[in-house]
C-alpha atoms as a PDB file:
ATOM      1  CA  UNK A   1     -17.510 -22.468  10.537  1.00  0.00           C
ATOM      2  CA  UNK A   2     -18.040 -22.289  14.281  1.00  0.00           C
ATOM      3  CA  UNK A   3     -21.454 -23.879  14.866  1.00  0.00           C
ATOM      4  CA  UNK A   4     -22.099 -21.699  17.937  1.00  0.00           C
ATOM      5  CA  UNK A   5     -21.538 -18.420  16.090  1.00  0.00           C
ATOM      6  CA  UNK A   6     -23.908 -17.170  13.393  1.00  0.00           C
ATOM      7  CA  UNK A   7     -23.056 -14.498  10.837  1.00  0.00           C
ATOM      8  CA  UNK A   8     -25.900 -12.101  10.053  1.00  0.00           C
ATOM      9  CA  UNK A   9     -25.989  -9.469   7.309  1.00  0.00           C
ATOM     10  CA  UNK A  10     -26.257  -6.089   9.018  1.00  0.00           C
ATOM     11  CA  UNK A  11     -28.350  -4.717   6.136  1.00  0.00           C
ATOM     12  CA  UNK A  12     -30.878  -7.405   5.135  1.00  0.00           C
ATOM     13  CA  UNK A  13     -30.606  -9.690   8.204  1.00  0.00           C
ATOM     14  CA  UNK A  14     -29.992 -12.835   6.141  1.00  0.00           C
ATOM     15  CA  UNK A  15     -28.010 -15.525   7.949  1.00  0.00           C
ATOM     16  CA  UNK A  16     -24.946 -17.256   6.507  1.00  0.00           C
ATOM     17  CA  UNK A  17     -25.385 -21.016   6.194  1.00  0.00           C
ATOM     18  CA  UNK A  18     -23.280 -23.679   4.507  1.00  0.00           C
ATOM     19  CA  UNK A  19     -25.275 -23.293   1.257  1.00  0.00           C
ATOM     20  CA  UNK A  20     -24.987 -19.495   1.126  1.00  0.00           C
ATOM     21  CA  UNK A  21     -27.142 -16.761   2.642  1.00  0.00           C
ATOM     22  CA  UNK A  22     -30.756 -17.400   3.662  1.00  0.00           C
ATOM     23  CA  UNK A  23     -33.429 -15.539   5.544  1.00  0.00           C
ATOM     24  CA  UNK A  24     -33.480 -17.454   8.808  1.00  0.00           C
ATOM     25  CA  UNK A  25     -34.393 -16.668  12.372  1.00  0.00           C
ATOM     26  CA  UNK A  26     -31.413 -17.051  14.678  1.00  0.00           C
ATOM     27  CA  UNK A  27     -32.562 -18.768  17.819  1.00  0.00           C
ATOM     28  CA  UNK A  28     -30.605 -19.053  21.049  1.00  0.00           C
ATOM     29  CA  UNK A  29     -27.147 -18.373  19.663  1.00  0.00           C
ATOM     30  CA  UNK A  30     -24.638 -17.100  22.166  1.00  0.00           C
ATOM     31  CA  UNK A  31     -22.451 -15.286  19.664  1.00  0.00           C
ATOM     32  CA  UNK A  32     -23.495 -13.362  16.556  1.00  0.00           C
ATOM     33  CA  UNK A  33     -21.167 -11.789  14.031  1.00  0.00           C
ATOM     34  CA  UNK A  34     -22.416  -9.022  11.750  1.00  0.00           C
ATOM     35  CA  UNK A  35     -21.171  -8.385   8.253  1.00  0.00           C
ATOM     36  CA  UNK A  36     -22.536  -7.966   4.740  1.00  0.00           C
ATOM     37  CA  UNK A  37     -23.924 -10.679   2.476  1.00  0.00           C
ATOM     38  CA  UNK A  38     -22.523 -10.450  -1.090  1.00  0.00           C
ATOM     39  CA  UNK A  39     -25.595  -8.588  -2.434  1.00  0.00           C
ATOM     40  CA  UNK A  40     -25.633  -5.972   0.326  1.00  0.00           C
ATOM     41  CA  UNK A  41     -21.844  -5.596   0.162  1.00  0.00           C
ATOM     42  CA  UNK A  42     -22.062  -4.779  -3.544  1.00  0.00           C
ATOM     43  CA  UNK A  43     -24.851  -2.226  -2.900  1.00  0.00           C
ATOM     44  CA  UNK A  44     -22.900  -0.625  -0.041  1.00  0.00           C
ATOM     45  CA  UNK A  45     -19.748  -0.301  -2.161  1.00  0.00           C
ATOM     46  CA  UNK A  46     -21.745   1.363  -4.950  1.00  0.00           C
ATOM     47  CA  UNK A  47     -23.173   3.873  -2.456  1.00  0.00           C
ATOM     48  CA  UNK A  48     -19.709   4.570  -1.059  1.00  0.00           C
ATOM     49  CA  UNK A  49     -18.407   5.094  -4.583  1.00  0.00           C
ATOM     50  CA  UNK A  50     -21.235   7.508  -5.372  1.00  0.00           C
ATOM     51  CA  UNK A  51     -20.667   9.434  -2.144  1.00  0.00           C
ATOM     52  CA  UNK A  52     -16.935   9.591  -2.806  1.00  0.00           C
ATOM     53  CA  UNK A  53     -17.622  10.818  -6.337  1.00  0.00           C
ATOM     54  CA  UNK A  54     -19.878  13.608  -5.030  1.00  0.00           C
ATOM     55  CA  UNK A  55     -17.380  14.531  -2.325  1.00  0.00           C
ATOM     56  CA  UNK A  56     -14.346  14.632  -4.595  1.00  0.00           C
ATOM     57  CA  UNK A  57     -15.886  16.399  -7.544  1.00  0.00           C
ATOM     58  CA  UNK A  58     -14.068  13.969  -9.830  1.00  0.00           C
ATOM     59  CA  UNK A  59     -15.291  11.065 -11.889  1.00  0.00           C
ATOM     60  CA  UNK A  60     -15.597   7.713 -10.114  1.00  0.00           C
ATOM     61  CA  UNK A  61     -12.380   5.745  -9.797  1.00  0.00           C
ATOM     62  CA  UNK A  62     -10.105   8.788 -10.168  1.00  0.00           C
ATOM     63  CA  UNK A  63      -9.373   9.196  -6.463  1.00  0.00           C
ATOM     64  CA  UNK A  64     -10.148  11.968  -4.030  1.00  0.00           C
ATOM     65  CA  UNK A  65      -9.541  15.641  -4.466  1.00  0.00           C
ATOM     66  CA  UNK A  66      -7.454  16.486  -1.370  1.00  0.00           C
END
């Protein structure tokens, strides 16, 4: 991992470190990358699935009604 760039979860603001994801304050870092930690990614995908289900009118996993 590039030591000058920090990855921060855009949902919970935890910072990726060598041991995993921790709640840390990022100090004086020139470059920050945003993404999702595994927990927030899972939650976001569930919300997307629910929204897709409501939009399509079909059961989850069956695709979209176009």
